[in-house]
Amino acid sequence: MSLEKNQEFELTIEDMGNEGEGIGHLDGMAVFVKDTVPGDVVRIKIIKVKKNYAYGRLIQVICPSDYRVEPICPHARRCGGCTIMHVSYEKQLAWKQDKVKNCLQRIGGIADIEEKMEPIIGMEYGGSAGADISKGNKDVKDFPAIRYRNKAQFPVRRDKAGKLAIGFYAGRTHSVIDTDICYLQDEVNDEIIRRLRCFMEKYQVEAYDEERHTGLVRHILTRVGRRTGEVMICLILNGDKLEGKGEKKYYESRKAHVKQGKVMPKEALRNVEKEFVEEMMDIPGITSISLNVNKEKTNRILGAHCRTIWGRDYITDYIGNVQYQISPLSFYQVNPKQTEKLYRKALEYADLNGEETVWDLYCGIGTISLFLAQKAKKVRGVEIVPEAIEDARRNAKINGIQNVEFFVGKAEEVLPEQYEKTGERADVIVVDPPRKGCDIVAIETMIKMAPKRIIYVSCDPATLARDVKMLVAAGYELKKVCAVDQFGHGGHVETVVMLSYKIR
């Protein structure tokens, strides 16, 4: 049988792919179908055919899988955020555990991986933990892994009909799905979005047009302190200040009058920024309201500069008993409750007794560094972003943690420089790199320093497995692995592994 585009077939879904899509087979060829679940019997249309595999679009679920559930969000199928909300949470966890295991086995070459893997650490239900959701119960309190994110970035656009759209991008597009509620975000966002809609319409504030690079409001960024309840609002603007159409015309007219040597007629001019503050400041928990300027034609959300128009420049939150100050530009884990579990597992694997020197590579704002400092003799963090190191030093100071030192630069350059300067070797190295994994020179440097243990925290099982393979070849043994679900209803998973130097 030869598959061709637009053909329709009945297909049994047997597995899940790397992005959470269902996989079935037609005449030995793998067919990937989004929005399907292992065990589903579905009708599909072929939309793309490659040499050894094909893609299909779901037309109808003929017989649903036991793992299929009704998403709590009506936009789940279109939205690019909740790609697997239609899969029972138990199955999501099993799939993520298998994804980590298979990468370490297939890419990393770890033959006995099952013996080394601990059970995945999952999230709690929206309310009553352990509730049965297999029948598609849409009661919020019975749905798992919701309202867990502490950071939201909502694009603001006009749709084709001119209606204001605030929400999230549809999968693999920049088309905004207009929504009043996101069940992954803190509930305060529902009220913030509602008020922003009313404010923009009332004061005729223009939404950003991505194609023409016109308009003003590009995104609204919110952060919520899970432990403190503090709330931050930051509008990202394609301009220097927040203003409506009336204000824009007023300033243009005033420039023309000044140029001609005339006096501008007096008229009432609203201070739109002040009005925005007054609109938002009575939301419970509001601590910081700011504007971020990004006038570049880019997909990058935030610009380099922020201006606080009310309250503090930051909010505070905790991971464990360590307090952090978080600005609009700070990197901070989006799921602090699960992050605490992840860091406690990293601390357990580090097995510190108070006498060790620990290096934390890719340390960001010092989240792991400060956690480790509670058990280590000395912690040294390295990060290439200067602003992040400033945050790390500030966070150390506000917590009274003095046994940490932070360096700006590339890990592969800072480590050997400091080793040559002090002669002090690392007992434990902790790495938490971006999705692309560790730089090859950084790995080679770690191997030269030969710490007793390397604790690798990863957000991508494939690059983790690649790097583990190199470390194992250099004399390290993979001892323990634990996956942690920080992104319920999405395809990503965090993993922490412990590698021990075999010769020691």
Foldseek 3Di string as FASTA:
>chain_A
DDDDAFDKDWWAFAAADLFGFTWTDDPQAIETEFPADHGWTFMWGWHADDDRHTYTYTDGGPDHGLQFAAALDPCQVFFQAQRFSRGHLVVLQVNLQVQLQCLLVPLQVPPPSVVFEDRAAEFAAQADGPADRSHHDNDRNRGRQWQQFFKDKWFWAADPVRQIATAGHTHPDNDGDRDLDDRRHHPLSSVVVVLVNVLCVVQAQFHADLVVLDGWFTIWMKGAAPVPRAIEIETETLDDDTHHPVQVVLVVVCVVCVVVVHDRDDDDDDPSLVVSCVSPVPRPRYAWYKYFYDNDSDPDRGDDDIGTPDHDQFDWYDQPPQIFTGGPPADDAGRSVLVSVVLVVLLVLQPAQADFEEEEEQCFLNPSVVVNLVRYVAYEYEHQDPVRPVRNVVSCVVRVRDRYYYDHDHLLPVLVVVCVVPVDAGQEYEYEDPQQEDDPSNLVSCLVSQHQKYKYKYFHSNNVSNSSSVVVVSQKDWRHKYKYDRRPSGSIIIMITMIGRPVD
